[in-house]
Protein backbone atom coordinates (compact mmCIF):
# COMPACT_ATOMS: atom_id res chain seq x y z
CA MET A 1 121.34 134.73 64.08
CA SER A 2 125.07 134.16 64.07
CA THR A 3 126.33 132.14 67.03
CA LYS A 4 129.59 134.09 67.12
CA LEU A 5 129.90 137.86 67.10
CA ILE A 6 132.23 140.62 68.11
CA LEU A 7 131.22 143.90 69.73
CA SER A 8 133.43 146.94 69.31
CA GLY A 9 133.31 150.51 70.53
CA PRO A 10 134.95 153.02 72.87
CA PRO A 11 135.07 152.23 76.61
CA GLY A 12 131.75 152.72 78.37
CA THR A 13 129.45 152.35 75.37
CA GLY A 14 127.68 149.31 76.79
CA LYS A 15 129.29 146.24 75.22
CA THR A 16 128.82 144.15 78.37
CA THR A 17 125.28 145.51 78.80
CA TYR A 18 124.56 144.45 75.22
CA ALA A 19 125.65 140.90 76.05
CA ARG A 20 123.48 140.89 79.19
CA ALA A 21 120.48 142.16 77.22
CA LEU A 22 121.07 139.43 74.63
CA CYS A 23 121.11 136.72 77.29
CA ASN A 24 117.86 138.09 78.72
CA SER A 25 116.24 138.12 75.29
CA LEU A 26 117.28 134.50 74.68
CA GLN A 27 116.62 133.47 78.30
CA VAL A 28 120.01 131.81 78.73
CA PRO A 29 122.81 132.30 81.28
CA LEU A 30 125.86 134.48 80.64
CA LEU A 31 129.36 133.16 81.36
CA VAL A 32 131.94 135.94 81.54
CA THR A 33 135.65 135.56 80.88
CA SER A 34 138.42 137.74 79.43
CA VAL A 35 141.71 137.38 77.62
CA ALA A 36 143.36 139.19 80.56
CA SER A 37 142.23 136.42 82.93
CA TRP A 38 143.50 133.78 80.49
CA LEU A 39 146.93 135.43 80.37
CA GLU A 40 147.30 135.69 84.16
CA PRO A 41 149.41 132.54 84.67
CA GLY A 42 151.95 133.64 82.04
CA TYR A 43 153.21 130.15 81.17
CA LEU A 44 151.91 129.02 77.79
CA GLY A 45 150.59 125.66 78.97
CA ASP A 46 148.62 127.23 81.84
CA VAL A 47 147.22 129.98 79.60
CA LEU A 48 146.03 127.41 77.04
CA LYS A 49 144.36 125.42 79.83
CA ARG A 50 142.46 128.50 81.02
CA MET A 51 141.28 129.25 77.49
CA SER A 52 140.11 125.67 76.97
CA LYS A 53 138.40 125.57 80.37
CA ALA A 54 136.25 128.60 79.52
CA PHE A 55 134.92 126.94 76.36
CA GLU A 56 134.54 123.59 78.11
CA LEU A 57 132.45 125.24 80.84
CA ALA A 58 130.26 126.86 78.17
CA ARG A 59 129.65 123.49 76.49
CA GLU A 60 128.77 121.88 79.82
CA ASN A 61 126.22 124.62 80.58
CA ALA A 62 124.69 124.96 77.10
CA PRO A 63 122.53 126.72 76.13
CA VAL A 64 124.67 129.66 77.21
CA ILE A 65 126.37 132.85 76.03
CA LEU A 66 130.14 132.91 76.53
CA PHE A 67 131.26 136.55 76.79
CA VAL A 68 135.00 137.06 76.11
CA ASP A 69 136.13 140.57 77.05
CA GLU A 70 139.29 142.34 75.82
CA ILE A 71 139.66 139.99 72.84
CA ASP A 72 142.20 142.38 71.25
CA ASN A 73 144.70 141.44 74.00
CA ILE A 74 145.33 138.17 72.23
CA GLY A 75 146.93 140.20 69.45
CA SER A 76 147.58 139.42 65.81
CA ARG A 77 150.13 137.27 64.03
CA PHE A 78 150.69 140.04 61.52
CA GLY A 79 151.25 143.10 63.72
CA GLY A 80 155.02 142.72 63.99
CA ARG A 81 154.92 143.98 67.58
CA ARG A 82 155.98 140.80 69.37
CA GLU A 83 158.71 139.32 67.22
CA GLN A 84 160.72 137.92 70.13
CA HIS A 85 157.72 135.96 71.42
CA ASP A 86 156.02 135.14 68.13
CA ASP A 87 155.70 131.42 68.89
CA TYR A 88 153.90 132.17 72.17
CA TRP A 89 151.29 134.47 70.62
CA ARG A 90 150.88 132.31 67.52
CA SER A 91 150.09 129.33 69.77
CA LEU A 92 147.44 131.33 71.63
CA ILE A 93 145.75 132.53 68.46
CA ASN A 94 145.83 129.07 66.89
CA ARG A 95 144.26 127.56 70.01
CA LEU A 96 141.53 130.20 70.04
CA LEU A 97 140.80 129.45 66.38
CA GLU A 98 140.42 125.76 67.28
CA LEU A 99 138.10 126.57 70.17
CA LEU A 100 135.93 128.84 68.04
CA ASP A 101 135.73 126.17 65.34
CA GLY A 102 134.80 123.64 68.02
CA THR A 103 131.81 125.66 69.22
CA ALA A 104 130.40 125.44 65.69
CA LYS A 105 129.85 121.76 66.39
CA THR A 106 128.22 122.43 69.77
CA ASP A 107 124.56 123.41 69.83
CA GLY A 108 123.57 126.06 72.33
CA VAL A 109 126.87 127.96 72.73
CA ILE A 110 126.92 131.57 71.55
CA VAL A 111 130.30 133.33 71.70
CA VAL A 112 130.26 137.12 72.11
CA ALA A 113 133.65 138.86 72.16
CA ALA A 114 134.23 142.52 72.99
CA THR A 115 137.01 144.97 72.16
CA ASN A 116 137.85 148.65 72.11
CA LEU A 117 140.36 148.06 69.30
CA PRO A 118 138.93 145.83 66.54
CA GLU A 119 141.77 146.73 64.16
CA LYS A 120 144.24 144.84 66.41
CA ILE A 121 142.48 141.49 66.08
CA ASP A 122 144.00 138.77 63.93
CA PRO A 123 142.03 138.60 60.63
CA ALA A 124 141.67 134.81 60.94
CA LEU A 125 139.52 135.31 64.06
CA LEU A 126 137.05 137.38 62.03
CA ARG A 127 136.53 134.95 59.16
CA SER A 128 133.28 133.15 58.39
CA GLY A 129 132.41 130.58 61.05
CA ARG A 130 134.40 132.42 63.72
CA LEU A 131 133.70 135.95 65.03
CA GLU A 132 132.01 136.71 61.73
CA LYS A 133 129.30 139.15 62.84
CA HIS A 134 130.67 142.58 63.81
CA VAL A 135 128.44 144.91 65.84
CA ALA A 136 129.88 148.41 66.31
CA ILE A 137 128.53 150.33 69.31
CA PRO A 138 129.36 154.04 68.95
CA LEU A 139 129.18 156.75 71.58
CA PRO A 140 125.56 157.88 72.08
CA ASP A 141 124.38 160.92 70.13
CA LEU A 142 122.14 163.66 71.57
CA GLY A 143 118.97 161.67 70.94
CA ALA A 144 120.35 158.56 72.65
CA LEU A 145 121.66 160.54 75.65
CA THR A 146 118.25 162.19 76.00
CA GLY A 147 116.56 158.81 75.97
CA ILE A 148 118.94 157.48 78.63
CA LEU A 149 118.28 160.47 80.91
CA ALA A 150 114.50 160.27 80.32
CA HIS A 151 114.50 156.58 81.26
CA HIS A 152 116.46 157.05 84.49
CA LEU A 153 114.59 160.18 85.57
CA GLY A 154 111.20 158.53 85.00
CA ASP A 155 108.42 160.41 86.80
CA ASP A 156 110.90 163.08 87.96
CA LEU A 157 111.48 164.23 84.37
CA ALA A 158 108.68 166.82 84.36
CA GLY A 159 110.00 168.42 87.57
CA VAL A 160 113.56 168.52 86.27
CA LEU A 161 112.44 170.20 83.05
CA ALA A 162 110.29 172.69 84.96
CA THR A 163 113.18 173.79 87.16
CA ALA A 164 115.83 173.87 84.44
CA PRO A 165 117.36 177.38 84.11
CA SER A 166 117.12 177.37 80.33
CA VAL A 167 116.10 174.66 77.89
CA THR A 168 116.08 175.23 74.15
CA PRO A 169 112.77 174.34 72.47
CA LYS A 170 114.52 171.72 70.32
CA ALA A 171 116.08 169.96 73.32
CA SER A 172 112.82 170.14 75.27
CA ASP A 173 110.87 168.58 72.38
CA THR A 174 113.43 165.80 72.06
CA VAL A 175 113.22 164.98 75.79
CA SER A 176 109.41 165.01 75.69
CA ARG A 177 109.31 162.62 72.73
CA HIS A 178 111.66 160.18 74.49
CA HIS A 179 109.65 160.45 77.69
CA ALA A 180 106.52 159.45 75.78
CA HIS A 181 108.26 156.25 74.64
CA SER A 182 110.11 155.54 77.90
CA GLY A 183 107.17 153.67 79.41
CA ARG A 184 107.27 151.13 76.62
CA ASP A 185 111.04 150.80 76.78
CA ALA A 186 111.25 150.57 80.57
CA ASP A 187 110.23 146.90 80.74
CA ALA A 188 112.85 145.91 78.17
CA LEU A 189 115.58 147.86 79.97
CA GLU A 190 114.50 146.47 83.34
CA SER A 191 114.84 142.93 82.03
CA SER A 192 118.38 143.73 80.89
CA ASN A 193 119.31 144.47 84.50
CA ARG A 194 117.53 141.74 86.37
CA GLY A 195 116.81 138.82 83.98
CA VAL A 196 118.37 135.41 84.02
CA CYS A 197 122.02 136.40 83.57
CA SER A 198 124.58 134.95 85.92
CA ASP A 199 128.30 135.61 85.84
CA ALA A 200 130.74 132.74 86.16
């Protein structure tokens, strides 16, 4: 698999949960950071230090997944939105490119970035060898929502269906089919919530 990927989708679609499930599947820790936390100090030198520290910590703890949230906040060099501070943002993007290229030489570090707005990311960050694998996570459709409810209701599902004021045959069949599979899926979902992940 690619060691660098980007997750995109509307808020609440499970991008962080995806990263946690991935770390459970690979049995490695999860280190969580965000562009917002990098930008907190404001001064360029301090921001660059925070960025570098996150990647340094990942290398020291390899094998590990480094999860970078809100990656779109780092902006693009081609958006034309920050002309008066172009040098500042260009320096940040260039440093992130260097850090991503550096992880290619480090075994055991997987970088997973997340965004609600993939179109705002600088194209250079998405090139081969960087955040090259794009995984879009859309809002759940009816089948997915049914599966989520069936999983969380568990043994209570039959009682809920029995007391429902009106359930269309199609919806009832869909819920029943997901319930039949929920036993098999439960272990996998449980491991997503309790596995070996640890935030840092």
